[in-house]
Amino acid sequence: MVVEVFEFIDCSSISISYQVTGLATVSFTVVSTSQVPGINPPRDYTQLTFGGVDFAGYITSLDSQIIPASIPSVFEHQFSLIMSGCGAGCPREVTSLNT
């Protein structure tokens, strides 16, 4: 039996709540055949784009559990992060090379 390896964000689980400080609480669920999310395929869940807004931040909680009766075993990883976001019109850091 060949086991297919997969990992994806369940789009229906994405939740973004903006705080008065300008930060955002971002939460979503990753469905994966791996017990540890972001390994196969390699992925950094602290830097994501949702709706044209680039978010970067820190994981504040991660809850993982197996989906009952899944064969082969499939896991749900529920992420919660504190992030800052920058859209298309947002000023970005510009670096220059002085040679």
Protein backbone atom coordinates (compact mmCIF):
# COMPACT_ATOMS: atom_id res chain seq x y z
CA MET A 1 0.00 0.00 0.00
CA VAL A 2 1.45 3.35 -1.08
CA VAL A 3 0.72 6.14 1.37
CA GLU A 4 0.18 9.59 -0.14
CA VAL A 5 1.90 12.36 1.80
CA PHE A 6 -0.01 15.64 1.95
CA GLU A 7 -0.40 18.82 3.96
CA PHE A 8 -2.73 21.77 3.40
CA ILE A 9 -4.42 24.66 5.19
CA ASP A 10 -8.17 24.13 5.59
CA CYS A 11 -9.31 27.43 4.07
CA SER A 12 -12.66 27.34 5.87
CA SER A 13 -10.79 27.45 9.20
CA ILE A 14 -8.89 30.71 8.57
CA SER A 15 -9.77 33.43 11.09
CA ILE A 16 -8.13 36.86 11.30
CA SER A 17 -8.98 39.26 14.14
CA TYR A 18 -7.33 42.68 14.19
CA GLN A 19 -6.40 44.29 17.49
CA VAL A 20 -6.32 48.01 18.27
CA THR A 21 -2.53 47.75 18.56
CA GLY A 22 -2.31 46.96 14.84
CA LEU A 23 -1.45 43.33 15.39
CA ALA A 24 -3.65 40.47 14.25
CA THR A 25 -4.56 37.17 15.85
CA VAL A 26 -4.53 34.61 13.04
CA SER A 27 -5.78 31.06 13.44
CA PHE A 28 -6.20 28.18 11.01
CA THR A 29 -6.10 24.38 10.80
CA VAL A 30 -3.52 22.39 8.85
CA VAL A 31 -4.51 18.88 7.75
CA SER A 32 -1.51 16.58 7.29
CA THR A 33 -0.29 13.00 7.16
CA SER A 34 2.60 14.13 9.37
CA GLN A 35 2.49 14.33 13.16
CA VAL A 36 4.65 17.46 12.93
CA PRO A 37 3.34 20.20 10.61
CA GLY A 38 5.62 22.00 8.16
CA ILE A 39 8.09 19.14 7.69
CA ASN A 40 6.89 17.40 4.52
CA PRO A 41 6.63 19.48 2.45
CA PRO A 42 8.77 22.08 4.27
CA ARG A 43 6.69 25.14 5.14
CA ASP A 44 7.04 28.14 7.44
CA TYR A 45 3.65 28.86 9.00
CA THR A 46 4.94 32.09 10.59
CA GLN A 47 5.03 33.85 7.18
CA LEU A 48 1.82 33.58 5.15
CA THR A 49 -0.31 35.55 2.70
CA PHE A 50 -4.09 35.70 3.09
CA GLY A 51 -6.25 37.87 0.82
CA GLY A 52 -3.29 39.78 -0.59
CA VAL A 53 -1.97 40.68 2.87
CA ASP A 54 1.44 39.37 3.88
CA PHE A 55 1.49 38.29 7.53
CA ALA A 56 4.53 37.54 9.68
CA GLY A 57 4.57 36.63 13.34
CA TYR A 58 4.92 34.05 16.07
CA ILE A 59 3.04 30.88 16.95
CA THR A 60 1.27 31.35 20.29
CA SER A 61 -0.34 27.91 20.41
CA LEU A 62 -0.43 24.69 18.42
CA ASP A 63 -2.82 21.86 19.18
CA SER A 64 -2.40 18.61 17.24
CA GLN A 65 -4.68 15.60 17.19
CA ILE A 66 -5.30 12.58 15.01
CA ILE A 67 -8.52 12.50 13.00
CA PRO A 68 -10.39 9.47 14.39
CA ALA A 69 -10.64 6.42 12.11
CA SER A 70 -8.39 7.93 9.42
CA ILE A 71 -6.43 5.33 7.46
CA PRO A 72 -3.61 6.08 7.01
CA SER A 73 -3.37 8.37 10.01
CA VAL A 74 -4.24 12.00 9.25
CA PHE A 75 -3.71 14.82 11.74
CA GLU A 76 -5.28 18.21 12.42
CA HIS A 77 -2.92 20.91 13.63
CA GLN A 78 -4.73 23.98 14.99
CA PHE A 79 -2.47 27.04 14.87
CA SER A 80 -2.92 30.35 16.64
CA LEU A 81 -0.44 33.17 15.91
CA ILE A 82 0.10 36.82 16.71
CA MET A 83 1.08 38.58 13.49
CA SER A 84 1.51 41.86 11.72
CA GLY A 85 0.19 42.32 8.21
CA CYS A 86 1.19 44.41 5.22
CA GLY A 87 -0.98 44.83 2.10
CA ALA A 88 -0.13 46.04 -1.41
CA GLY A 89 -0.07 49.76 -0.46
CA CYS A 90 1.88 49.20 2.72
CA PRO A 91 5.39 50.66 2.92
CA ARG A 92 8.00 47.95 3.01
CA GLU A 93 11.51 48.02 4.32
CA VAL A 94 13.89 49.05 1.55
CA THR A 95 17.49 48.03 1.73
CA SER A 96 20.27 49.50 -0.35
CA LEU A 97 23.75 48.33 -1.03
CA ASN A 98 26.45 50.90 -0.41
CA THR A 99 29.57 49.75 -2.22
